[in-house]
Amino acid sequence: MNKSQVDIDALIALAAHKEIPLEQLITEIETGVLEAYYQTLEPKRQARASIDRESGEISILVPTFNEIGERIAKIPTNQKVSLALSLQQFARLLS
């Protein structure tokens, strides 16, 4: 699986500079990652983006269901998501 990461120390510095809570910044980035994921060729319904708060690892988690429709697990997808953002797009995430 291809792994993507963000620099947590850089996010901490950015949150402090912008005077916003770190959790809010990370949540906004997760939202952007999920939006990018849904633009891929075969996105899975009910996916969720997650950034590990210690390592910075970015994952797209996709639930799996049993034969009667109950969620039984969340597994990382191996689908690559482009995270390229322009400076203006990133600034919009922070506003």
N, C-alpha and C. Protein backbone atom coordinates (compact mmCIF):
# COMPACT_ATOMS: atom_id res chain seq x y z
N MET A 1 0.84 -1.18 0.00
CA MET A 1 0.00 0.00 0.00
C MET A 1 0.88 1.24 0.00
N ASN A 2 0.57 2.20 -0.84
CA ASN A 2 1.27 3.47 -0.84
C ASN A 2 0.80 4.29 0.35
N LYS A 3 1.75 4.81 1.09
CA LYS A 3 1.38 5.59 2.27
C LYS A 3 1.69 7.05 2.03
N SER A 4 0.78 7.88 2.49
CA SER A 4 0.98 9.32 2.46
C SER A 4 1.05 9.80 3.89
N GLN A 5 1.83 10.83 4.11
CA GLN A 5 1.98 11.37 5.44
C GLN A 5 1.99 12.88 5.40
N VAL A 6 1.60 13.47 6.51
CA VAL A 6 1.78 14.90 6.71
C VAL A 6 2.76 15.07 7.87
N ASP A 7 3.42 16.19 7.88
CA ASP A 7 4.38 16.50 8.94
C ASP A 7 3.60 17.10 10.11
N ILE A 8 3.43 16.33 11.17
CA ILE A 8 2.65 16.77 12.32
C ILE A 8 3.27 18.01 12.96
N ASP A 9 4.60 18.07 13.04
CA ASP A 9 5.25 19.25 13.62
C ASP A 9 4.92 20.50 12.81
N ALA A 10 4.87 20.37 11.49
CA ALA A 10 4.52 21.51 10.64
C ALA A 10 3.06 21.92 10.87
N LEU A 11 2.17 20.93 11.06
CA LEU A 11 0.77 21.26 11.33
C LEU A 11 0.63 21.97 12.68
N ILE A 12 1.40 21.52 13.67
CA ILE A 12 1.36 22.17 14.99
C ILE A 12 1.80 23.63 14.86
N ALA A 13 2.88 23.85 14.11
CA ALA A 13 3.37 25.21 13.91
C ALA A 13 2.36 26.06 13.15
N LEU A 14 1.76 25.48 12.12
CA LEU A 14 0.77 26.22 11.33
C LEU A 14 -0.45 26.57 12.17
N ALA A 15 -0.92 25.62 12.96
CA ALA A 15 -2.09 25.88 13.82
C ALA A 15 -1.78 26.99 14.82
N ALA A 16 -0.58 26.96 15.38
CA ALA A 16 -0.19 28.01 16.33
C ALA A 16 -0.09 29.36 15.64
N HIS A 17 0.49 29.37 14.44
CA HIS A 17 0.63 30.62 13.69
C HIS A 17 -0.74 31.21 13.32
N LYS A 18 -1.65 30.35 12.92
CA LYS A 18 -2.99 30.81 12.51
C LYS A 18 -3.94 30.96 13.70
N GLU A 19 -3.47 30.55 14.88
CA GLU A 19 -4.26 30.61 16.11
C GLU A 19 -5.58 29.84 15.98
N ILE A 20 -5.45 28.61 15.46
CA ILE A 20 -6.61 27.72 15.37
C ILE A 20 -6.25 26.41 16.06
N PRO A 21 -7.25 25.71 16.58
CA PRO A 21 -6.95 24.43 17.22
C PRO A 21 -6.38 23.42 16.24
N LEU A 22 -5.37 22.68 16.68
CA LEU A 22 -4.74 21.66 15.83
C LEU A 22 -5.78 20.66 15.34
N GLU A 23 -6.68 20.24 16.22
CA GLU A 23 -7.69 19.25 15.83
C GLU A 23 -8.57 19.78 14.70
N GLN A 24 -8.90 21.06 14.73
CA GLN A 24 -9.70 21.66 13.65
C GLN A 24 -8.94 21.62 12.34
N LEU A 25 -7.65 21.94 12.36
CA LEU A 25 -6.83 21.90 11.15
C LEU A 25 -6.77 20.49 10.58
N ILE A 26 -6.51 19.51 11.45
CA ILE A 26 -6.42 18.13 11.00
C ILE A 26 -7.76 17.65 10.43
N THR A 27 -8.85 18.01 11.07
CA THR A 27 -10.18 17.63 10.58
C THR A 27 -10.45 18.23 9.21
N GLU A 28 -10.05 19.47 9.00
CA GLU A 28 -10.24 20.11 7.70
C GLU A 28 -9.41 19.41 6.62
N ILE A 29 -8.20 19.01 6.96
CA ILE A 29 -7.35 18.29 6.00
C ILE A 29 -7.97 16.93 5.69
N GLU A 30 -8.47 16.23 6.71
CA GLU A 30 -9.13 14.94 6.48
C GLU A 30 -10.33 15.11 5.54
N THR A 31 -11.08 16.19 5.72
CA THR A 31 -12.23 16.47 4.84
C THR A 31 -11.75 16.67 3.41
N GLY A 32 -10.68 17.42 3.22
CA GLY A 32 -10.13 17.63 1.88
C GLY A 32 -9.63 16.34 1.25
N VAL A 33 -8.99 15.50 2.05
CA VAL A 33 -8.50 14.21 1.55
C VAL A 33 -9.68 13.34 1.11
N LEU A 34 -10.74 13.33 1.90
CA LEU A 34 -11.91 12.53 1.55
C LEU A 34 -12.57 13.05 0.28
N GLU A 35 -12.64 14.37 0.12
CA GLU A 35 -13.18 14.95 -1.11
C GLU A 35 -12.34 14.54 -2.31
N ALA A 36 -11.02 14.53 -2.16
CA ALA A 36 -10.14 14.08 -3.24
C ALA A 36 -10.37 12.61 -3.54
N TYR A 37 -10.55 11.80 -2.50
CA TYR A 37 -10.80 10.37 -2.68
C TYR A 37 -12.07 10.14 -3.50
N TYR A 38 -13.11 10.92 -3.23
CA TYR A 38 -14.37 10.73 -3.96
C TYR A 38 -14.26 11.16 -5.42
N GLN A 39 -13.17 11.80 -5.81
CA GLN A 39 -12.93 12.16 -7.21
C GLN A 39 -12.17 11.08 -7.97
N THR A 40 -11.77 10.00 -7.27
CA THR A 40 -11.04 8.92 -7.93
C THR A 40 -12.00 8.08 -8.76
N LEU A 41 -11.46 7.14 -9.52
CA LEU A 41 -12.28 6.36 -10.45
C LEU A 41 -13.32 5.48 -9.78
N GLU A 42 -12.97 4.82 -8.70
CA GLU A 42 -13.91 3.90 -8.05
C GLU A 42 -13.95 4.10 -6.54
N PRO A 43 -14.45 5.26 -6.09
CA PRO A 43 -14.51 5.46 -4.64
C PRO A 43 -15.55 4.54 -4.01
N LYS A 44 -15.28 4.14 -2.79
CA LYS A 44 -16.20 3.27 -2.04
C LYS A 44 -17.08 4.13 -1.15
N ARG A 45 -18.35 3.76 -1.07
CA ARG A 45 -19.28 4.48 -0.21
C ARG A 45 -18.87 4.32 1.25
N GLN A 46 -19.21 5.30 2.04
CA GLN A 46 -18.99 5.31 3.48
C GLN A 46 -17.51 5.28 3.86
N ALA A 47 -16.65 5.71 2.97
CA ALA A 47 -15.23 5.80 3.28
C ALA A 47 -15.00 6.94 4.27
N ARG A 48 -13.87 6.89 4.95
CA ARG A 48 -13.52 7.92 5.91
C ARG A 48 -12.02 8.14 5.82
N ALA A 49 -11.63 9.42 5.81
CA ALA A 49 -10.21 9.76 5.82
C ALA A 49 -9.76 9.93 7.25
N SER A 50 -8.54 9.50 7.52
CA SER A 50 -8.01 9.59 8.88
C SER A 50 -6.53 9.94 8.83
N ILE A 51 -6.13 10.87 9.68
CA ILE A 51 -4.72 11.20 9.84
C ILE A 51 -4.32 10.77 11.24
N ASP A 52 -3.30 9.92 11.32
CA ASP A 52 -2.79 9.48 12.61
C ASP A 52 -2.15 10.68 13.29
N ARG A 53 -2.61 11.00 14.50
CA ARG A 53 -2.17 12.20 15.21
C ARG A 53 -0.72 12.14 15.67
N GLU A 54 -0.11 10.97 15.68
CA GLU A 54 1.29 10.86 16.08
C GLU A 54 2.23 10.73 14.90
N SER A 55 1.90 9.86 13.95
CA SER A 55 2.82 9.61 12.82
C SER A 55 2.54 10.50 11.62
N GLY A 56 1.33 11.03 11.51
CA GLY A 56 0.96 11.83 10.35
C GLY A 56 0.50 11.00 9.17
N GLU A 57 0.44 9.67 9.33
CA GLU A 57 0.03 8.80 8.24
C GLU A 57 -1.43 9.06 7.86
N ILE A 58 -1.67 9.19 6.56
CA ILE A 58 -3.01 9.43 6.04
C ILE A 58 -3.58 8.12 5.51
N SER A 59 -4.78 7.78 5.95
CA SER A 59 -5.44 6.55 5.49
C SER A 59 -6.86 6.86 5.05
N ILE A 60 -7.31 6.12 4.04
CA ILE A 60 -8.72 6.11 3.67
C ILE A 60 -9.25 4.78 4.17
N LEU A 61 -10.18 4.82 5.09
CA LEU A 61 -10.75 3.60 5.66
C LEU A 61 -12.10 3.33 5.03
N VAL A 62 -12.28 2.09 4.59
CA VAL A 62 -13.52 1.68 3.93
C VAL A 62 -14.14 0.55 4.74
N PRO A 63 -15.39 0.72 5.17
CA PRO A 63 -16.01 -0.35 5.96
C PRO A 63 -16.32 -1.57 5.10
N THR A 64 -16.27 -2.73 5.73
CA THR A 64 -16.71 -3.97 5.09
C THR A 64 -17.94 -4.46 5.85
N PHE A 65 -18.81 -5.14 5.13
CA PHE A 65 -20.08 -5.57 5.69
C PHE A 65 -20.25 -7.07 5.54
N ASN A 66 -20.99 -7.68 6.48
CA ASN A 66 -21.28 -9.10 6.37
C ASN A 66 -22.49 -9.30 5.46
N GLU A 67 -22.92 -10.56 5.32
CA GLU A 67 -24.00 -10.88 4.38
C GLU A 67 -25.34 -10.26 4.74
N ILE A 68 -25.53 -9.82 6.00
CA ILE A 68 -26.81 -9.19 6.35
C ILE A 68 -26.69 -7.67 6.48
N GLY A 69 -25.56 -7.13 6.03
CA GLY A 69 -25.39 -5.69 5.97
C GLY A 69 -24.84 -5.02 7.20
N GLU A 70 -24.35 -5.80 8.17
CA GLU A 70 -23.75 -5.23 9.37
C GLU A 70 -22.29 -4.91 9.11
N ARG A 71 -21.85 -3.74 9.58
CA ARG A 71 -20.44 -3.39 9.42
C ARG A 71 -19.61 -4.29 10.31
N ILE A 72 -18.58 -4.90 9.72
CA ILE A 72 -17.75 -5.82 10.50
C ILE A 72 -16.31 -5.32 10.65
N ALA A 73 -15.86 -4.40 9.80
CA ALA A 73 -14.49 -3.91 9.89
C ALA A 73 -14.32 -2.66 9.05
N LYS A 74 -13.26 -1.94 9.34
CA LYS A 74 -12.83 -0.82 8.50
C LYS A 74 -11.43 -1.17 8.04
N ILE A 75 -11.26 -1.26 6.73
CA ILE A 75 -9.94 -1.60 6.20
C ILE A 75 -9.41 -0.46 5.36
N PRO A 76 -8.10 -0.25 5.39
CA PRO A 76 -7.53 0.80 4.54
C PRO A 76 -7.61 0.40 3.07
N THR A 77 -7.94 1.35 2.24
CA THR A 77 -7.94 1.10 0.80
C THR A 77 -6.54 1.34 0.26
N ASN A 78 -6.21 0.68 -0.82
CA ASN A 78 -4.89 0.90 -1.41
C ASN A 78 -4.96 1.86 -2.59
N GLN A 79 -6.12 2.50 -2.76
CA GLN A 79 -6.30 3.44 -3.85
C GLN A 79 -5.55 4.73 -3.55
N LYS A 80 -4.75 5.18 -4.50
CA LYS A 80 -3.95 6.37 -4.31
C LYS A 80 -4.81 7.60 -4.55
N VAL A 81 -4.65 8.59 -3.69
CA VAL A 81 -5.40 9.84 -3.80
C VAL A 81 -4.40 10.96 -4.00
N SER A 82 -4.64 11.78 -5.01
CA SER A 82 -3.75 12.91 -5.23
C SER A 82 -4.05 13.99 -4.20
N LEU A 83 -3.02 14.41 -3.47
CA LEU A 83 -3.20 15.41 -2.44
C LEU A 83 -2.60 16.75 -2.83
N ALA A 84 -2.38 16.95 -4.10
CA ALA A 84 -1.78 18.19 -4.55
C ALA A 84 -2.78 19.33 -4.37
N LEU A 85 -2.36 20.33 -3.62
CA LEU A 85 -3.18 21.51 -3.40
C LEU A 85 -2.37 22.74 -3.78
N SER A 86 -3.04 23.70 -4.40
CA SER A 86 -2.37 24.96 -4.65
C SER A 86 -2.32 25.73 -3.33
N LEU A 87 -1.51 26.73 -3.27
CA LEU A 87 -1.42 27.56 -2.08
C LEU A 87 -2.77 28.19 -1.76
N GLN A 88 -3.50 28.62 -2.79
CA GLN A 88 -4.83 29.21 -2.58
C GLN A 88 -5.81 28.19 -2.01
N GLN A 89 -5.79 26.95 -2.50
CA GLN A 89 -6.70 25.92 -1.99
C GLN A 89 -6.38 25.62 -0.54
N PHE A 90 -5.10 25.54 -0.20
CA PHE A 90 -4.73 25.26 1.19
C PHE A 90 -5.14 26.42 2.08
N ALA A 91 -4.96 27.63 1.61
CA ALA A 91 -5.35 28.81 2.40
C ALA A 91 -6.85 28.80 2.65
N ARG A 92 -7.63 28.34 1.65
CA ARG A 92 -9.08 28.24 1.84
C ARG A 92 -9.43 27.25 2.92
N LEU A 93 -8.67 26.18 3.04
CA LEU A 93 -8.91 25.21 4.11
C LEU A 93 -8.76 25.87 5.48
N LEU A 94 -7.88 26.83 5.56
CA LEU A 94 -7.60 27.48 6.84
C LEU A 94 -8.52 28.64 7.14
N SER A 95 -9.27 29.10 6.16
CA SER A 95 -10.12 30.28 6.42
C SER A 95 -11.49 29.89 6.93
